[in-house]
Amino acid sequence: MNIEQIRHHIDTLIKQKGKNYRSLSMAIGKNEAYLHQYINKGSPLRLPEEQRRKLALLLDVDEQQLTDIKLPKSIETSNISSNNVIVEMIATDRSLEDAETTGFWSIPLSQILTVSQSKPENLKILCITGDSMQPTFKDGDYVFADLSTDKFCGDGLYLIEQNNHLLVRRVQQFSSNEAVLISDNANYKTVTSSFKKLKIVGKIVYALHTQKIS
């Protein structure tokens, strides 16, 4: 493929993977308009090596697909493992539909299968903010939400949408028509909601607890 065909191929890959220029540009360490300018205006002429490698990882393709320059065999074959999957990380300050992509994690498929049996594309990673779920989760912890579970399926930890924000709450059935939304921090009030008004968008299936090392 020539340079122009490479740009068109990358554009096609981005659309096929359900990604967008803005989030991918930021994920490879550039400003949000970088890939738009590259694909639509040909600037830069070719992706720099560092950005090319990161983009190959994010799109889960061989790096050779992103350049017209013949790469050494060692680079071509070792850049990315077909056994890795890319999981999107999203912000919590908007609704799920408008959620901003804040990054991507490349995770071995074998590890993903220990997290959830759902398809990897159903998983999203969120960073916990605030202290409402302490001691279960603290500010800065990461949780995996399985978006294929968007209805109440028994007491547990869920990702819910409330006032155009995403929240992690413990949801328990109160009656046949109502549930209680519990913040594990005793300083926060428990809220009662009808199941009709409760908007569940995912179930929390895994957590990574963080600790700052001095």
Protein backbone atom coordinates (compact mmCIF):
# COMPACT_ATOMS: atom_id res chain seq x y z
CA MET A 1 0.00 0.00 0.00
CA ASN A 2 1.16 3.53 -0.69
CA ILE A 3 0.98 6.43 1.78
CA GLU A 4 -2.53 7.49 0.76
CA GLN A 5 -3.82 3.90 0.94
CA ILE A 6 -2.31 3.53 4.41
CA ARG A 7 -4.21 6.59 5.65
CA HIS A 8 -7.45 5.23 4.19
CA HIS A 9 -6.76 1.81 5.74
CA ILE A 10 -6.20 3.34 9.18
CA ASP A 11 -9.41 5.33 8.84
CA THR A 12 -11.29 2.12 8.00
CA LEU A 13 -9.73 0.28 10.98
CA ILE A 14 -10.74 3.06 13.37
CA LYS A 15 -14.34 2.88 12.18
CA GLN A 16 -14.43 -0.92 12.24
CA LYS A 17 -13.15 -0.98 15.82
CA GLY A 18 -15.76 1.59 16.91
CA LYS A 19 -13.07 4.09 17.93
CA ASN A 20 -12.73 7.78 17.15
CA TYR A 21 -9.95 10.15 16.13
CA ARG A 22 -10.07 12.21 19.30
CA SER A 23 -9.72 9.48 21.91
CA LEU A 24 -7.09 7.58 19.91
CA SER A 25 -5.06 10.75 19.32
CA MET A 26 -4.92 11.39 23.06
CA ALA A 27 -4.19 7.73 23.79
CA ILE A 28 -1.06 7.83 21.58
CA GLY A 29 0.15 10.96 23.35
CA LYS A 30 -0.89 13.64 20.85
CA ASN A 31 -3.46 16.44 20.79
CA GLU A 32 -7.07 15.52 20.05
CA ALA A 33 -6.94 16.66 16.39
CA TYR A 34 -3.77 14.73 15.51
CA LEU A 35 -5.29 11.73 13.72
CA HIS A 36 -7.91 13.85 11.98
CA GLN A 37 -5.13 15.97 10.50
CA TYR A 38 -3.06 12.93 9.59
CA ILE A 39 -5.89 11.05 7.85
CA ASN A 40 -7.68 13.94 6.20
CA LYS A 41 -4.84 16.38 5.53
CA GLY A 42 -1.82 14.09 5.28
CA SER A 43 0.01 15.84 8.10
CA PRO A 44 2.31 14.31 9.16
CA LEU A 45 3.17 12.38 6.00
CA ARG A 46 3.79 9.21 8.02
CA LEU A 47 3.07 8.36 11.64
CA PRO A 48 6.20 8.57 13.82
CA GLU A 49 7.43 5.22 15.11
CA GLU A 50 6.24 5.74 18.70
CA GLN A 51 2.71 6.78 17.68
CA ARG A 52 2.53 4.03 15.08
CA ARG A 53 3.34 1.35 17.62
CA LYS A 54 0.84 2.69 20.14
CA LEU A 55 -1.88 2.91 17.52
CA ALA A 56 -1.21 -0.66 16.37
CA LEU A 57 -1.69 -1.81 19.96
CA LEU A 58 -4.91 0.16 20.38
CA LEU A 59 -6.35 -1.10 17.10
CA ASP A 60 -5.12 -4.65 17.76
CA VAL A 61 -3.37 -4.97 14.40
CA ASP A 62 0.12 -5.72 13.13
CA GLU A 63 2.21 -2.55 13.01
CA GLN A 64 3.10 -3.25 9.37
CA GLN A 65 -0.52 -2.42 8.44
CA LEU A 66 0.06 1.18 9.52
CA THR A 67 3.05 2.02 7.34
CA ASP A 68 4.24 1.71 3.75
CA ILE A 69 7.80 1.21 5.03
CA LYS A 70 8.86 -2.44 5.26
CA LEU A 71 9.51 -3.14 8.92
CA PRO A 72 12.13 -5.56 10.23
CA LYS A 73 10.68 -8.97 10.94
CA SER A 74 11.36 -8.61 14.66
CA ILE A 75 9.19 -5.49 14.83
CA GLU A 76 6.51 -6.83 12.53
CA THR A 77 5.88 -10.00 14.48
CA SER A 78 6.53 -8.98 18.08
CA ASN A 79 4.74 -5.65 18.29
CA ILE A 80 1.43 -7.04 19.46
CA SER A 81 0.09 -10.35 20.66
CA SER A 82 -3.08 -11.71 19.13
CA ASN A 83 -3.86 -13.00 22.62
CA ASN A 84 -4.29 -9.45 23.95
CA VAL A 85 -7.54 -7.51 23.95
CA ILE A 86 -8.08 -3.77 24.24
CA VAL A 87 -10.44 -2.54 26.97
CA GLU A 88 -11.70 1.03 26.88
CA MET A 89 -11.49 3.26 29.94
CA ILE A 90 -14.26 5.84 30.32
CA ALA A 91 -14.90 8.87 32.52
CA THR A 92 -17.79 8.94 35.00
CA ASP A 93 -18.81 12.60 34.72
CA ARG A 94 -21.28 12.02 31.88
CA SER A 95 -23.96 9.57 30.84
CA LEU A 96 -22.85 6.28 29.32
CA GLU A 97 -23.95 7.44 25.88
CA ASP A 98 -21.78 10.57 26.11
CA ALA A 99 -18.97 9.10 28.21
CA GLU A 100 -15.51 10.31 27.26
CA THR A 101 -12.80 7.79 26.48
CA THR A 102 -9.85 8.45 28.77
CA GLY A 103 -7.59 5.65 27.58
CA PHE A 104 -7.23 2.00 26.65
CA TRP A 105 -5.74 -0.99 28.47
CA SER A 106 -4.16 -3.90 26.63
CA ILE A 107 -4.85 -7.04 28.66
CA PRO A 108 -4.05 -10.71 27.95
CA LEU A 109 -7.19 -12.57 26.91
CA SER A 110 -6.44 -15.25 29.50
CA GLN A 111 -6.72 -12.61 32.25
CA ILE A 112 -9.89 -11.12 30.79
CA LEU A 113 -11.52 -14.55 30.94
CA THR A 114 -10.90 -14.64 34.69
CA VAL A 115 -12.71 -11.30 35.01
CA SER A 116 -15.81 -12.08 32.95
CA GLN A 117 -17.13 -14.62 30.49
CA SER A 118 -18.78 -11.80 28.58
CA LYS A 119 -17.31 -10.58 25.30
CA PRO A 120 -14.32 -8.27 25.91
CA GLU A 121 -16.02 -5.44 24.02
CA ASN A 122 -18.73 -5.42 26.72
CA LEU A 123 -16.18 -4.47 29.38
CA LYS A 124 -15.34 -0.90 30.39
CA ILE A 125 -12.84 0.32 32.97
CA LEU A 126 -13.67 3.20 35.31
CA CYS A 127 -11.64 4.99 37.94
CA ILE A 128 -13.37 5.45 41.28
CA THR A 129 -13.57 9.06 42.42
CA GLY A 130 -14.55 10.17 45.90
CA ASP A 131 -15.12 8.20 49.09
CA SER A 132 -18.75 7.10 48.75
CA MET A 133 -17.84 3.42 48.32
CA GLN A 134 -15.17 3.17 51.00
CA PRO A 135 -13.96 0.81 52.31
CA THR A 136 -14.90 -1.43 49.36
CA PHE A 137 -13.37 0.97 46.84
CA LYS A 138 -11.30 4.05 47.53
CA ASP A 139 -10.58 7.08 45.41
CA GLY A 140 -8.24 6.04 42.58
CA ASP A 141 -9.20 2.35 42.45
CA TYR A 142 -10.20 0.86 39.09
CA VAL A 143 -13.28 -1.25 38.44
CA PHE A 144 -14.38 -3.32 35.45
CA ALA A 145 -18.04 -3.02 34.46
CA ASP A 146 -19.76 -5.58 32.25
CA LEU A 147 -22.22 -3.58 30.16
CA SER A 148 -23.98 -6.70 28.89
CA THR A 149 -25.71 -6.83 32.29
CA ASP A 150 -27.96 -3.78 32.20
CA LYS A 151 -30.74 -5.09 34.42
CA PHE A 152 -30.95 -6.08 38.07
CA CYS A 153 -29.96 -9.73 38.44
CA GLY A 154 -29.64 -10.03 42.20
CA ASP A 155 -28.00 -8.08 45.01
CA GLY A 156 -24.56 -6.83 44.10
CA LEU A 157 -22.39 -3.98 42.84
CA TYR A 158 -23.66 -2.18 39.77
CA LEU A 159 -22.80 0.73 37.52
CA ILE A 160 -25.80 3.03 37.45
CA GLU A 161 -26.60 6.24 35.62
CA GLN A 162 -27.98 9.09 37.69
CA ASN A 163 -28.25 12.79 36.78
CA ASN A 164 -26.11 12.19 33.67
CA HIS A 165 -23.29 10.72 35.78
CA LEU A 166 -22.05 7.16 36.20
CA LEU A 167 -21.97 5.84 39.76
CA VAL A 168 -20.93 2.60 41.41
CA ARG A 169 -23.43 1.52 44.02
CA ARG A 170 -24.42 -1.60 45.91
CA VAL A 171 -27.96 -2.42 44.80
CA GLN A 172 -30.22 -4.63 46.91
CA GLN A 173 -33.83 -5.61 46.35
CA PHE A 174 -36.14 -3.98 48.90
CA SER A 175 -39.47 -5.21 47.61
CA SER A 176 -40.89 -6.59 44.38
CA ASN A 177 -40.93 -3.08 42.92
CA GLU A 178 -38.16 -1.27 44.76
CA ALA A 179 -34.41 -1.43 45.34
CA VAL A 180 -32.07 0.31 47.75
CA LEU A 181 -28.91 2.00 46.49
CA ILE A 182 -26.20 1.73 49.10
CA SER A 183 -23.01 3.72 49.40
CA ASP A 184 -20.71 1.51 51.48
CA ASN A 185 -19.45 4.60 53.30
CA ALA A 186 -21.75 4.94 56.33
CA ASN A 187 -21.59 8.73 56.03
CA TYR A 188 -23.75 8.57 52.90
CA LYS A 189 -27.50 8.00 52.97
CA THR A 190 -29.11 4.90 51.51
CA VAL A 191 -31.49 5.75 48.68
CA THR A 192 -34.66 3.86 47.75
CA SER A 193 -35.65 3.70 44.09
CA SER A 194 -38.28 1.92 42.07
CA PHE A 195 -36.87 -0.54 39.55
CA LYS A 196 -38.64 1.43 36.80
CA LYS A 197 -36.63 4.57 37.61
CA LEU A 198 -33.37 2.78 38.34
CA LYS A 199 -31.06 2.92 35.33
CA ILE A 200 -28.54 0.10 35.55
CA VAL A 201 -25.95 0.21 32.77
CA GLY A 202 -23.56 -2.49 33.92
CA LYS A 203 -22.44 -4.84 36.67
CA ILE A 204 -19.14 -4.48 38.49
CA VAL A 205 -17.22 -7.71 37.94
CA TYR A 206 -13.65 -6.90 38.99
CA ALA A 207 -11.61 -4.30 40.84
CA LEU A 208 -7.98 -3.23 40.99
CA HIS A 209 -7.04 -1.60 44.27
CA THR A 210 -4.33 1.04 44.06
CA GLN A 211 -1.78 2.16 46.60
CA LYS A 212 0.65 5.01 46.32
CA ILE A 213 4.25 4.04 47.02
CA SER A 214 6.37 6.81 48.48
